Amino acid sequence: MITLTAENFAEQVLESDKPVLVDFWAEWCPPCRMIAPVLDEIDAEYGDRVTIAKINSDDHPEISARYGVLGLPTLNLYKNGEVVKQVVGAKPKRLLLAELEGHI
């Protein structure tokens, strides 16, 4: 899993050749901690088809604001530099994969 910052966001996400699922999270957010192991599993199983990355919304509020992140966790799936899917809130793995179906 890649840790994103303002410095590497464009290179790692917007310029990526494969889809990137970005987890907007914060330390104080219990649902963010709940979804972290789910994202680790998806990374292990689908890492060849999608890059999993996370960015701390408290540390980078300008990026969260740019992409309309209002609640945490928010998962944005980027393809060719554009958001193609947004999932808000923690979900079990099977439901999250169902949301992402057709994109990864």
Protein backbone atom coordinates (compact mmCIF):
# COMPACT_ATOMS: atom_id res chain seq x y z
CA MET A 1 0.00 0.00 0.00
CA ILE A 2 1.33 3.40 -0.97
CA THR A 3 1.24 6.36 1.41
CA LEU A 4 0.34 9.51 -0.48
CA THR A 5 1.34 13.11 0.15
CA ALA A 6 0.75 16.38 -1.67
CA GLU A 7 4.19 15.89 -3.23
CA ASN A 8 3.56 12.44 -4.77
CA PHE A 9 -0.24 12.46 -5.35
CA ALA A 10 -0.10 13.50 -9.01
CA GLU A 11 2.64 11.03 -9.91
CA GLN A 12 1.27 8.06 -7.98
CA VAL A 13 -2.44 8.58 -8.69
CA LEU A 14 -3.18 10.91 -11.58
CA GLU A 15 -0.36 9.66 -13.82
CA SER A 16 -0.71 5.96 -12.97
CA ASP A 17 -1.13 3.44 -15.79
CA LYS A 18 -3.44 1.27 -13.69
CA PRO A 19 -6.45 2.14 -11.52
CA VAL A 20 -5.65 3.54 -8.07
CA LEU A 21 -7.96 3.15 -5.08
CA VAL A 22 -7.23 6.00 -2.67
CA ASP A 23 -8.31 5.73 0.97
CA PHE A 24 -8.89 9.16 2.49
CA TRP A 25 -8.53 8.55 6.24
CA ALA A 26 -7.60 10.12 9.59
CA GLU A 27 -6.07 8.84 12.85
CA TRP A 28 -9.16 9.72 14.90
CA CYS A 29 -11.56 7.81 12.60
CA PRO A 30 -12.62 4.35 13.93
CA PRO A 31 -14.23 3.25 10.62
CA CYS A 32 -10.94 4.13 8.90
CA ARG A 33 -9.15 1.65 11.16
CA MET A 34 -11.86 -0.95 10.46
CA ILE A 35 -11.42 -0.76 6.69
CA ALA A 36 -7.60 -0.86 6.73
CA PRO A 37 -7.33 -4.69 6.92
CA VAL A 38 -9.92 -5.01 4.14
CA LEU A 39 -7.78 -2.79 1.92
CA ASP A 40 -4.70 -4.84 2.81
CA GLU A 41 -6.54 -7.99 1.64
CA ILE A 42 -7.66 -6.34 -1.60
CA ASP A 43 -4.09 -5.15 -2.16
CA ALA A 44 -2.77 -8.70 -1.69
CA GLU A 45 -5.38 -10.26 -3.98
CA TYR A 46 -5.82 -7.60 -6.68
CA GLY A 47 -2.50 -5.72 -6.52
CA ASP A 48 -1.67 -6.69 -10.08
CA ARG A 49 -4.82 -4.91 -11.33
CA VAL A 50 -5.24 -1.97 -8.92
CA THR A 51 -2.91 0.09 -6.74
CA ILE A 52 -4.12 0.69 -3.20
CA ALA A 53 -3.00 3.96 -1.64
CA LYS A 54 -3.94 6.05 1.38
CA ILE A 55 -3.74 9.70 2.26
CA ASN A 56 -4.26 11.29 5.67
CA SER A 57 -7.00 13.88 5.21
CA ASP A 58 -5.91 15.86 8.27
CA ASP A 59 -2.39 16.23 6.86
CA HIS A 60 -3.58 17.06 3.32
CA PRO A 61 -6.95 18.87 3.56
CA GLU A 62 -6.41 20.60 0.22
CA ILE A 63 -6.46 17.26 -1.65
CA SER A 64 -9.53 16.09 0.26
CA ALA A 65 -11.30 19.35 -0.59
CA ARG A 66 -10.28 19.13 -4.26
CA TYR A 67 -11.97 15.72 -4.59
CA GLY A 68 -15.08 16.49 -2.54
CA VAL A 69 -14.22 14.29 0.42
CA LEU A 70 -16.69 15.22 3.16
CA GLY A 71 -16.77 12.07 5.29
CA LEU A 72 -14.19 9.49 6.31
CA PRO A 73 -13.28 7.01 5.19
CA THR A 74 -13.84 7.90 1.56
CA LEU A 75 -12.45 5.65 -1.15
CA ASN A 76 -11.94 7.21 -4.57
CA LEU A 77 -11.09 5.02 -7.52
CA TYR A 78 -9.03 6.88 -10.13
CA LYS A 79 -8.59 5.78 -13.73
CA ASN A 80 -6.56 7.89 -16.13
CA GLY A 81 -6.43 10.68 -13.57
CA GLU A 82 -10.22 10.88 -13.09
CA VAL A 83 -12.44 9.70 -10.24
CA VAL A 84 -14.62 6.92 -11.66
CA LYS A 85 -16.09 5.69 -8.37
CA GLN A 86 -16.47 7.05 -4.84
CA VAL A 87 -17.38 4.91 -1.83
CA VAL A 88 -18.06 6.61 1.51
CA GLY A 89 -17.86 4.69 4.77
CA ALA A 90 -16.41 1.38 5.84
CA LYS A 91 -17.83 -1.66 4.07
CA PRO A 92 -17.13 -5.39 4.29
CA LYS A 93 -14.78 -6.71 1.62
CA ARG A 94 -17.47 -8.38 -0.50
CA LEU A 95 -19.57 -5.20 -0.62
CA LEU A 96 -16.57 -3.03 -1.43
CA LEU A 97 -15.52 -5.37 -4.24
CA ALA A 98 -19.10 -5.31 -5.56
CA GLU A 99 -18.95 -1.48 -5.65
CA LEU A 100 -15.67 -1.63 -7.58
CA GLU A 101 -16.75 -4.36 -9.99
CA GLY A 102 -16.24 -3.36 -13.59
CA HIS A 103 -13.56 -0.84 -12.67
CA ILE A 104 -10.72 -3.12 -11.54
